[in-house]
Amino acid sequence: MQLTIKEVEHVAKLAQLKLTDQEKEKFTKQLSSILDYVKQLDEVDTKNIKPINQIIGLRNITRKDEINKKETEKLLQCAPNVEERYIKIPSVF
């Protein structure tokens, strides 16, 4: 797919880029070759291919969210101002 300089100027305007005439020529060729490659990918038959969201087999490792009372007590002892087991801070507003 061959882009025109006018189309490259439009893309540059959307991206808020100021391009020189030399850059417009360069990007016209480069963006056209990128679109040609993407067009080749569109021609690949992917009907029987399952969608994937991750390719290297990693999984989310989670742990049960549990309260550690010993750690809570240590934290409350370090706080400068505690009220009913809550850390009291100055008002923000």
PDB file of N, CA and C in Angstrom:
ATOM      1  N   MET A   1       0.862  -1.174   0.000  1.00  0.00           N
ATOM      2  CA  MET A   1       0.000   0.000   0.000  1.00  0.00           C
ATOM      3  C   MET A   1       0.902   1.228   0.000  1.00  0.00           C
ATOM      4  N   GLN A   2       0.781   2.036  -1.010  1.00  0.00           N
ATOM      5  CA  GLN A   2       1.613   3.221  -1.134  1.00  0.00           C
ATOM      6  C   GLN A   2       0.889   4.433  -0.556  1.00  0.00           C
ATOM      7  N   LEU A   3       1.471   5.005   0.502  1.00  0.00           N
ATOM      8  CA  LEU A   3       0.903   6.207   1.094  1.00  0.00           C
ATOM      9  C   LEU A   3       1.320   7.430   0.304  1.00  0.00           C
ATOM     10  N   THR A   4       0.509   8.446   0.364  1.00  0.00           N
ATOM     11  CA  THR A   4       0.862   9.710  -0.271  1.00  0.00           C
ATOM     12  C   THR A   4       1.468  10.634   0.785  1.00  0.00           C
ATOM     13  N   ILE A   5       2.141  11.643   0.311  1.00  0.00           N
ATOM     14  CA  ILE A   5       2.719  12.626   1.233  1.00  0.00           C
ATOM     15  C   ILE A   5       1.609  13.316   2.010  1.00  0.00           C
ATOM     16  N   LYS A   6       0.477  13.517   1.369  1.00  0.00           N
ATOM     17  CA  LYS A   6      -0.655  14.156   2.041  1.00  0.00           C
ATOM     18  C   LYS A   6      -1.133  13.310   3.226  1.00  0.00           C
ATOM     19  N   GLU A   7      -1.167  11.999   3.056  1.00  0.00           N
ATOM     20  CA  GLU A   7      -1.570  11.108   4.146  1.00  0.00           C
ATOM     21  C   GLU A   7      -0.545  11.135   5.288  1.00  0.00           C
ATOM     22  N   VAL A   8       0.728  11.177   4.941  1.00  0.00           N
ATOM     23  CA  VAL A   8       1.769  11.266   5.973  1.00  0.00           C
ATOM     24  C   VAL A   8       1.651  12.593   6.710  1.00  0.00           C
ATOM     25  N   GLU A   9       1.356  13.667   5.992  1.00  0.00           N
ATOM     26  CA  GLU A   9       1.157  14.968   6.631  1.00  0.00           C
ATOM     27  C   GLU A   9      -0.021  14.923   7.595  1.00  0.00           C
ATOM     28  N   HIS A  10      -1.080  14.205   7.203  1.00  0.00           N
ATOM     29  CA  HIS A  10      -2.257  14.071   8.068  1.00  0.00           C
ATOM     30  C   HIS A  10      -1.902  13.306   9.344  1.00  0.00           C
ATOM     31  N   VAL A  11      -1.172  12.206   9.209  1.00  0.00           N
ATOM     32  CA  VAL A  11      -0.753  11.423  10.375  1.00  0.00           C
ATOM     33  C   VAL A  11       0.150  12.266  11.275  1.00  0.00           C
ATOM     34  N   ALA A  12       1.055  13.016  10.664  1.00  0.00           N
ATOM     35  CA  ALA A  12       1.950  13.879  11.436  1.00  0.00           C
ATOM     36  C   ALA A  12       1.158  14.949  12.183  1.00  0.00           C
ATOM     37  N   LYS A  13       0.133  15.473  11.550  1.00  0.00           N
ATOM     38  CA  LYS A  13      -0.703  16.485  12.201  1.00  0.00           C
ATOM     39  C   LYS A  13      -1.425  15.875  13.404  1.00  0.00           C
ATOM     40  N   LEU A  14      -1.955  14.664  13.239  1.00  0.00           N
ATOM     41  CA  LEU A  14      -2.639  13.991  14.344  1.00  0.00           C
ATOM     42  C   LEU A  14      -1.679  13.726  15.500  1.00  0.00           C
ATOM     43  N   ALA A  15      -0.436  13.403  15.178  1.00  0.00           N
ATOM     44  CA  ALA A  15       0.569  13.130  16.204  1.00  0.00           C
ATOM     45  C   ALA A  15       1.260  14.406  16.671  1.00  0.00           C
ATOM     46  N   GLN A  16       0.837  15.523  16.139  1.00  0.00           N
ATOM     47  CA  GLN A  16       1.400  16.832  16.465  1.00  0.00           C
ATOM     48  C   GLN A  16       2.913  16.857  16.229  1.00  0.00           C
ATOM     49  N   LEU A  17       3.300  16.371  15.049  1.00  0.00           N
ATOM     50  CA  LEU A  17       4.702  16.371  14.643  1.00  0.00           C
ATOM     51  C   LEU A  17       4.908  17.358  13.517  1.00  0.00           C
ATOM     52  N   LYS A  18       6.008  18.047  13.556  1.00  0.00           N
ATOM     53  CA  LYS A  18       6.376  18.924  12.445  1.00  0.00           C
ATOM     54  C   LYS A  18       7.478  18.218  11.674  1.00  0.00           C
ATOM     55  N   LEU A  19       7.199  17.892  10.431  1.00  0.00           N
ATOM     56  CA  LEU A  19       8.151  17.159   9.609  1.00  0.00           C
ATOM     57  C   LEU A  19       8.691  18.048   8.498  1.00  0.00           C
ATOM     58  N   THR A  20       9.966  17.838   8.187  1.00  0.00           N
ATOM     59  CA  THR A  20      10.549  18.519   7.039  1.00  0.00           C
ATOM     60  C   THR A  20      10.107  17.778   5.780  1.00  0.00           C
ATOM     61  N   ASP A  21      10.334  18.380   4.619  1.00  0.00           N
ATOM     62  CA  ASP A  21       9.984  17.710   3.362  1.00  0.00           C
ATOM     63  C   ASP A  21      10.763  16.413   3.201  1.00  0.00           C
ATOM     64  N   GLN A  22      12.023  16.414   3.642  1.00  0.00           N
ATOM     65  CA  GLN A  22      12.850  15.214   3.561  1.00  0.00           C
ATOM     66  C   GLN A  22      12.281  14.106   4.453  1.00  0.00           C
ATOM     67  N   GLU A  23      11.841  14.458   5.655  1.00  0.00           N
ATOM     68  CA  GLU A  23      11.259  13.473   6.568  1.00  0.00           C
ATOM     69  C   GLU A  23       9.942  12.933   6.017  1.00  0.00           C
ATOM     70  N   LYS A  24       9.168  13.789   5.386  1.00  0.00           N
ATOM     71  CA  LYS A  24       7.892  13.335   4.796  1.00  0.00           C
ATOM     72  C   LYS A  24       8.144  12.278   3.735  1.00  0.00           C
ATOM     73  N   GLU A  25       9.154  12.503   2.889  1.00  0.00           N
ATOM     74  CA  GLU A  25       9.509  11.516   1.858  1.00  0.00           C
ATOM     75  C   GLU A  25       9.952  10.201   2.505  1.00  0.00           C
ATOM     76  N   LYS A  26      10.805  10.324   3.511  1.00  0.00           N
ATOM     77  CA  LYS A  26      11.336   9.150   4.201  1.00  0.00           C
ATOM     78  C   LYS A  26      10.209   8.355   4.860  1.00  0.00           C
ATOM     79  N   PHE A  27       9.336   9.048   5.584  1.00  0.00           N
ATOM     80  CA  PHE A  27       8.261   8.356   6.287  1.00  0.00           C
ATOM     81  C   PHE A  27       7.207   7.810   5.335  1.00  0.00           C
ATOM     82  N   THR A  28       7.042   8.423   4.191  1.00  0.00           N
ATOM     83  CA  THR A  28       6.107   7.888   3.197  1.00  0.00           C
ATOM     84  C   THR A  28       6.547   6.486   2.795  1.00  0.00           C
ATOM     85  N   LYS A  29       7.835   6.321   2.541  1.00  0.00           N
ATOM     86  CA  LYS A  29       8.357   5.003   2.144  1.00  0.00           C
ATOM     87  C   LYS A  29       8.298   4.015   3.314  1.00  0.00           C
ATOM     88  N   GLN A  30       8.726   4.473   4.492  1.00  0.00           N
ATOM     89  CA  GLN A  30       8.780   3.564   5.638  1.00  0.00           C
ATOM     90  C   GLN A  30       7.387   3.113   6.080  1.00  0.00           C
ATOM     91  N   LEU A  31       6.458   4.048   6.179  1.00  0.00           N
ATOM     92  CA  LEU A  31       5.101   3.675   6.603  1.00  0.00           C
ATOM     93  C   LEU A  31       4.418   2.800   5.558  1.00  0.00           C
ATOM     94  N   SER A  32       4.700   3.047   4.292  1.00  0.00           N
ATOM     95  CA  SER A  32       4.126   2.210   3.234  1.00  0.00           C
ATOM     96  C   SER A  32       4.623   0.772   3.361  1.00  0.00           C
ATOM     97  N   SER A  33       5.918   0.598   3.646  1.00  0.00           N
ATOM     98  CA  SER A  33       6.452  -0.767   3.781  1.00  0.00           C
ATOM     99  C   SER A  33       5.882  -1.453   5.018  1.00  0.00           C
ATOM    100  N   ILE A  34       5.658  -0.708   6.082  1.00  0.00           N
ATOM    101  CA  ILE A  34       5.046  -1.286   7.283  1.00  0.00           C
ATOM    102  C   ILE A  34       3.627  -1.753   6.976  1.00  0.00           C
ATOM    103  N   LEU A  35       2.860  -0.937   6.287  1.00  0.00           N
ATOM    104  CA  LEU A  35       1.488  -1.317   5.941  1.00  0.00           C
ATOM    105  C   LEU A  35       1.461  -2.506   4.991  1.00  0.00           C
ATOM    106  N   ASP A  36       2.445  -2.612   4.082  1.00  0.00           N
ATOM    107  CA  ASP A  36       2.526  -3.781   3.209  1.00  0.00           C
ATOM    108  C   ASP A  36       2.769  -5.047   4.018  1.00  0.00           C
ATOM    109  N   TYR A  37       3.613  -4.960   5.026  1.00  0.00           N
ATOM    110  CA  TYR A  37       3.883  -6.115   5.870  1.00  0.00           C
ATOM    111  C   TYR A  37       2.634  -6.528   6.649  1.00  0.00           C
ATOM    112  N   VAL A  38       1.920  -5.556   7.191  1.00  0.00           N
ATOM    113  CA  VAL A  38       0.694  -5.849   7.935  1.00  0.00           C
ATOM    114  C   VAL A  38      -0.336  -6.489   7.003  1.00  0.00           C
ATOM    115  N   LYS A  39      -0.377  -6.039   5.766  1.00  0.00           N
ATOM    116  CA  LYS A  39      -1.301  -6.631   4.797  1.00  0.00           C
ATOM    117  C   LYS A  39      -0.967  -8.102   4.560  1.00  0.00           C
ATOM    118  N   GLN A  40       0.319  -8.432   4.552  1.00  0.00           N
ATOM    119  CA  GLN A  40       0.722  -9.841   4.417  1.00  0.00           C
ATOM    120  C   GLN A  40       0.209 -10.648   5.605  1.00  0.00           C
ATOM    121  N   LEU A  41       0.278 -10.085   6.790  1.00  0.00           N
ATOM    122  CA  LEU A  41      -0.209 -10.786   7.984  1.00  0.00           C
ATOM    123  C   LEU A  41      -1.715 -11.006   7.924  1.00  0.00           C
ATOM    124  N   ASP A  42      -2.437 -10.072   7.311  1.00  0.00           N
ATOM    125  CA  ASP A  42      -3.887 -10.226   7.180  1.00  0.00           C
ATOM    126  C   ASP A  42      -4.260 -11.418   6.312  1.00  0.00           C
ATOM    127  N   GLU A  43      -3.373 -11.814   5.419  1.00  0.00           N
ATOM    128  CA  GLU A  43      -3.666 -12.906   4.496  1.00  0.00           C
ATOM    129  C   GLU A  43      -3.460 -14.282   5.129  1.00  0.00           C
ATOM    130  N   VAL A  44      -2.850 -14.346   6.307  1.00  0.00           N
ATOM    131  CA  VAL A  44      -2.601 -15.623   6.973  1.00  0.00           C
ATOM    132  C   VAL A  44      -3.918 -16.169   7.522  1.00  0.00           C
ATOM    133  N   ASP A  45      -4.159 -17.460   7.267  1.00  0.00           N
ATOM    134  CA  ASP A  45      -5.382 -18.107   7.737  1.00  0.00           C
ATOM    135  C   ASP A  45      -5.253 -18.419   9.232  1.00  0.00           C
ATOM    136  N   THR A  46      -6.057 -17.769  10.039  1.00  0.00           N
ATOM    137  CA  THR A  46      -6.004 -17.981  11.492  1.00  0.00           C
ATOM    138  C   THR A  46      -7.324 -18.518  12.043  1.00  0.00           C
ATOM    139  N   LYS A  47      -8.131 -19.127  11.183  1.00  0.00           N
ATOM    140  CA  LYS A  47      -9.438 -19.633  11.619  1.00  0.00           C
ATOM    141  C   LYS A  47      -9.326 -20.630  12.767  1.00  0.00           C
ATOM    142  N   ASN A  48      -8.404 -21.560  12.677  1.00  0.00           N
ATOM    143  CA  ASN A  48      -8.302 -22.638  13.661  1.00  0.00           C
ATOM    144  C   ASN A  48      -7.258 -22.361  14.739  1.00  0.00           C
ATOM    145  N   ILE A  49      -6.835 -21.134  14.867  1.00  0.00           N
ATOM    146  CA  ILE A  49      -5.838 -20.764  15.874  1.00  0.00           C
ATOM    147  C   ILE A  49      -6.554 -20.135  17.057  1.00  0.00           C
ATOM    148  N   LYS A  50      -6.275 -20.670  18.250  1.00  0.00           N
ATOM    149  CA  LYS A  50      -6.893 -20.112  19.451  1.00  0.00           C
ATOM    150  C   LYS A  50      -6.183 -18.819  19.838  1.00  0.00           C
ATOM    151  N   PRO A  51      -6.931 -17.821  20.285  1.00  0.00           N
ATOM    152  CA  PRO A  51      -6.294 -16.588  20.752  1.00  0.00           C
ATOM    153  C   PRO A  51      -5.468 -16.861  22.008  1.00  0.00           C
ATOM    154  N   ILE A  52      -4.345 -16.162  22.126  1.00  0.00           N
ATOM    155  CA  ILE A  52      -3.525 -16.303  23.322  1.00  0.00           C
ATOM    156  C   ILE A  52      -3.279 -14.920  23.917  1.00  0.00           C
ATOM    157  N   ASN A  53      -3.066 -14.889  25.199  1.00  0.00           N
ATOM    158  CA  ASN A  53      -2.778 -13.617  25.841  1.00  0.00           C
ATOM    159  C   ASN A  53      -1.398 -13.612  26.475  1.00  0.00           C
ATOM    160  N   GLN A  54      -0.707 -14.738  26.412  1.00  0.00           N
ATOM    161  CA  GLN A  54       0.587 -14.856  27.053  1.00  0.00           C
ATOM    162  C   GLN A  54       1.331 -16.014  26.415  1.00  0.00           C
ATOM    163  N   ILE A  55       2.576 -15.816  26.027  1.00  0.00           N
ATOM    164  CA  ILE A  55       3.245 -16.857  25.244  1.00  0.00           C
ATOM    165  C   ILE A  55       4.346 -17.614  25.969  1.00  0.00           C
ATOM    166  N   ILE A  56       4.749 -17.187  27.158  1.00  0.00           N
ATOM    167  CA  ILE A  56       5.872 -17.869  27.799  1.00  0.00           C
ATOM    168  C   ILE A  56       5.477 -18.698  29.019  1.00  0.00           C
ATOM    169  N   GLY A  57       4.192 -18.877  29.259  1.00  0.00           N
ATOM    170  CA  GLY A  57       3.735 -19.801  30.283  1.00  0.00           C
ATOM    171  C   GLY A  57       3.736 -19.276  31.712  1.00  0.00           C
ATOM    172  N   LEU A  58       3.901 -18.009  31.900  1.00  0.00           N
ATOM    173  CA  LEU A  58       3.857 -17.476  33.261  1.00  0.00           C
ATOM    174  C   LEU A  58       2.427 -17.439  33.758  1.00  0.00           C
ATOM    175  N   ARG A  59       2.295 -17.595  35.069  1.00  0.00           N
ATOM    176  CA  ARG A  59       0.969 -17.503  35.676  1.00  0.00           C
ATOM    177  C   ARG A  59       1.026 -16.480  36.784  1.00  0.00           C
ATOM    178  N   ASN A  60      -0.119 -15.970  37.118  1.00  0.00           N
ATOM    179  CA  ASN A  60      -0.215 -15.074  38.254  1.00  0.00           C
ATOM    180  C   ASN A  60      -0.128 -15.911  39.524  1.00  0.00           C
ATOM    181  N   ILE A  61       0.796 -15.592  40.387  1.00  0.00           N
ATOM    182  CA  ILE A  61       0.931 -16.323  41.641  1.00  0.00           C
ATOM    183  C   ILE A  61       0.371 -15.424  42.739  1.00  0.00           C
ATOM    184  N   THR A  62      -0.666 -15.897  43.371  1.00  0.00           N
ATOM    185  CA  THR A  62      -1.295 -15.089  44.405  1.00  0.00           C
ATOM    186  C   THR A  62      -1.260 -15.845  45.723  1.00  0.00           C
ATOM    187  N   ARG A  63      -1.408 -15.104  46.775  1.00  0.00           N
ATOM    188  CA  ARG A  63      -1.474 -15.718  48.087  1.00  0.00           C
ATOM    189  C   ARG A  63      -2.752 -15.253  48.759  1.00  0.00           C
ATOM    190  N   LYS A  64      -3.162 -15.985  49.744  1.00  0.00           N
ATOM    191  CA  LYS A  64      -4.350 -15.621  50.492  1.00  0.00           C
ATOM    192  C   LYS A  64      -4.060 -14.357  51.297  1.00  0.00           C
ATOM    193  N   ASP A  65      -4.957 -13.424  51.276  1.00  0.00           N
ATOM    194  CA  ASP A  65      -4.794 -12.171  52.005  1.00  0.00           C
ATOM    195  C   ASP A  65      -5.193 -12.399  53.455  1.00  0.00           C
ATOM    196  N   GLU A  66      -4.175 -12.472  54.318  1.00  0.00           N
ATOM    197  CA  GLU A  66      -4.426 -12.747  55.725  1.00  0.00           C
ATOM    198  C   GLU A  66      -3.835 -11.636  56.583  1.00  0.00           C
ATOM    199  N   ILE A  67      -4.484 -11.349  57.671  1.00  0.00           N
ATOM    200  CA  ILE A  67      -3.989 -10.350  58.609  1.00  0.00           C
ATOM    201  C   ILE A  67      -2.984 -11.010  59.537  1.00  0.00           C
ATOM    202  N   ASN A  68      -1.821 -10.390  59.649  1.00  0.00           N
ATOM    203  CA  ASN A  68      -0.791 -10.868  60.557  1.00  0.00           C
ATOM    204  C   ASN A  68      -0.828  -9.951  61.778  1.00  0.00           C
ATOM    205  N   LYS A  69      -1.418 -10.433  62.861  1.00  0.00           N
ATOM    206  CA  LYS A  69      -1.642  -9.591  64.041  1.00  0.00           C
ATOM    207  C   LYS A  69      -0.334  -9.104  64.666  1.00  0.00           C
ATOM    208  N   LYS A  70       0.710  -9.929  64.616  1.00  0.00           N
ATOM    209  CA  LYS A  70       1.995  -9.505  65.176  1.00  0.00           C
ATOM    210  C   LYS A  70       2.550  -8.308  64.409  1.00  0.00           C
ATOM    211  N   GLU A  71       2.478  -8.381  63.098  1.00  0.00           N
ATOM    212  CA  GLU A  71       2.981  -7.280  62.266  1.00  0.00           C
ATOM    213  C   GLU A  71       2.120  -6.036  62.445  1.00  0.00           C
ATOM    214  N   THR A  72       0.815  -6.220  62.603  1.00  0.00           N
ATOM    215  CA  THR A  72      -0.080  -5.083  62.816  1.00  0.00           C
ATOM    216  C   THR A  72       0.278  -4.374  64.111  1.00  0.00           C
ATOM    217  N   GLU A  73       0.530  -5.139  65.149  1.00  0.00           N
ATOM    218  CA  GLU A  73       0.895  -4.539  66.434  1.00  0.00           C
ATOM    219  C   GLU A  73       2.207  -3.769  66.332  1.00  0.00           C
ATOM    220  N   LYS A  74       3.185  -4.331  65.626  1.00  0.00           N
ATOM    221  CA  LYS A  74       4.464  -3.645  65.447  1.00  0.00           C
ATOM    222  C   LYS A  74       4.275  -2.320  64.714  1.00  0.00           C
ATOM    223  N   LEU A  75       3.446  -2.350  63.693  1.00  0.00           N
ATOM    224  CA  LEU A  75       3.186  -1.143  62.910  1.00  0.00           C
ATOM    225  C   LEU A  75       2.505  -0.083  63.765  1.00  0.00           C
ATOM    226  N   LEU A  76       1.510  -0.485  64.525  1.00  0.00           N
ATOM    227  CA  LEU A  76       0.793   0.476  65.368  1.00  0.00           C
ATOM    228  C   LEU A  76       1.715   1.077  66.438  1.00  0.00           C
ATOM    229  N   GLN A  77       2.686   0.309  66.922  1.00  0.00           N
ATOM    230  CA  GLN A  77       3.632   0.826  67.908  1.00  0.00           C
ATOM    231  C   GLN A  77       4.550   1.893  67.303  1.00  0.00           C
ATOM    232  N   CYS A  78       4.809   1.805  66.023  1.00  0.00           N
ATOM    233  CA  CYS A  78       5.684   2.772  65.342  1.00  0.00           C
ATOM    234  C   CYS A  78       4.954   4.053  64.961  1.00  0.00           C
ATOM    235  N   ALA A  79       3.650   4.001  64.885  1.00  0.00           N
ATOM    236  CA  ALA A  79       2.876   5.162  64.443  1.00  0.00           C
ATOM    237  C   ALA A  79       2.875   6.247  65.516  1.00  0.00           C
ATOM    238  N   PRO A  80       2.975   7.524  65.115  1.00  0.00           N
ATOM    239  CA  PRO A  80       3.011   8.601  66.097  1.00  0.00           C
ATOM    240  C   PRO A  80       1.671   8.848  66.790  1.00  0.00           C
ATOM    241  N   ASN A  81       0.563   8.523  66.119  1.00  0.00           N
ATOM    242  CA  ASN A  81      -0.744   8.811  66.688  1.00  0.00           C
ATOM    243  C   ASN A  81      -1.709   7.682  66.308  1.00  0.00           C
ATOM    244  N   VAL A  82      -2.190   6.947  67.295  1.00  0.00           N
ATOM    245  CA  VAL A  82      -3.091   5.817  67.055  1.00  0.00           C
ATOM    246  C   VAL A  82      -4.372   6.035  67.829  1.00  0.00           C
ATOM    247  N   GLU A  83      -5.493   5.712  67.172  1.00  0.00           N
ATOM    248  CA  GLU A  83      -6.788   5.807  67.848  1.00  0.00           C
ATOM    249  C   GLU A  83      -7.610   4.583  67.469  1.00  0.00           C
ATOM    250  N   GLU A  84      -7.976   3.777  68.453  1.00  0.00           N
ATOM    251  CA  GLU A  84      -8.769   2.561  68.256  1.00  0.00           C
ATOM    252  C   GLU A  84      -8.192   1.654  67.160  1.00  0.00           C
ATOM    253  N   ARG A  85      -6.912   1.368  67.265  1.00  0.00           N
ATOM    254  CA  ARG A  85      -6.205   0.490  66.331  1.00  0.00           C
ATOM    255  C   ARG A  85      -6.123   1.033  64.907  1.00  0.00           C
ATOM    256  N   TYR A  86      -6.297   2.314  64.723  1.00  0.00           N
ATOM    257  CA  TYR A  86      -6.125   2.971  63.433  1.00  0.00           C
ATOM    258  C   TYR A  86      -5.035   4.035  63.569  1.00  0.00           C
ATOM    259  N   ILE A  87      -4.260   4.206  62.518  1.00  0.00           N
ATOM    260  CA  ILE A  87      -3.250   5.260  62.522  1.00  0.00           C
ATOM    261  C   ILE A  87      -3.963   6.561  62.187  1.00  0.00           C
ATOM    262  N   LYS A  88      -3.814   7.543  63.055  1.00  0.00           N
ATOM    263  CA  LYS A  88      -4.483   8.829  62.880  1.00  0.00           C
ATOM    264  C   LYS A  88      -3.500   9.798  62.231  1.00  0.00           C
ATOM    265  N   ILE A  89      -3.962  10.434  61.156  1.00  0.00           N
ATOM    266  CA  ILE A  89      -3.114  11.393  60.442  1.00  0.00           C
ATOM    267  C   ILE A  89      -3.826  12.748  60.382  1.00  0.00           C
ATOM    268  N   PRO A  90      -3.066  13.820  60.112  1.00  0.00           N
ATOM    269  CA  PRO A  90      -3.713  15.122  59.983  1.00  0.00           C
ATOM    270  C   PRO A  90      -4.658  15.144  58.774  1.00  0.00           C
ATOM    271  N   SER A  91      -5.685  15.940  58.888  1.00  0.00           N
ATOM    272  CA  SER A  91      -6.659  16.077  57.808  1.00  0.00           C
ATOM    273  C   SER A  91      -5.982  16.650  56.562  1.00  0.00           C
ATOM    274  N   VAL A  92      -6.364  16.147  55.412  1.00  0.00           N
ATOM    275  CA  VAL A  92      -5.781  16.619  54.161  1.00  0.00           C
ATOM    276  C   VAL A  92      -6.480  17.865  53.665  1.00  0.00           C
ATOM    277  N   PHE A  93      -7.751  17.959  53.889  1.00  0.00           N
ATOM    278  CA  PHE A  93      -8.513  19.117  53.406  1.00  0.00           C
ATOM    279  C   PHE A  93      -8.759  20.118  54.499  1.00  0.00           C
TER     280      PHE A  93
END
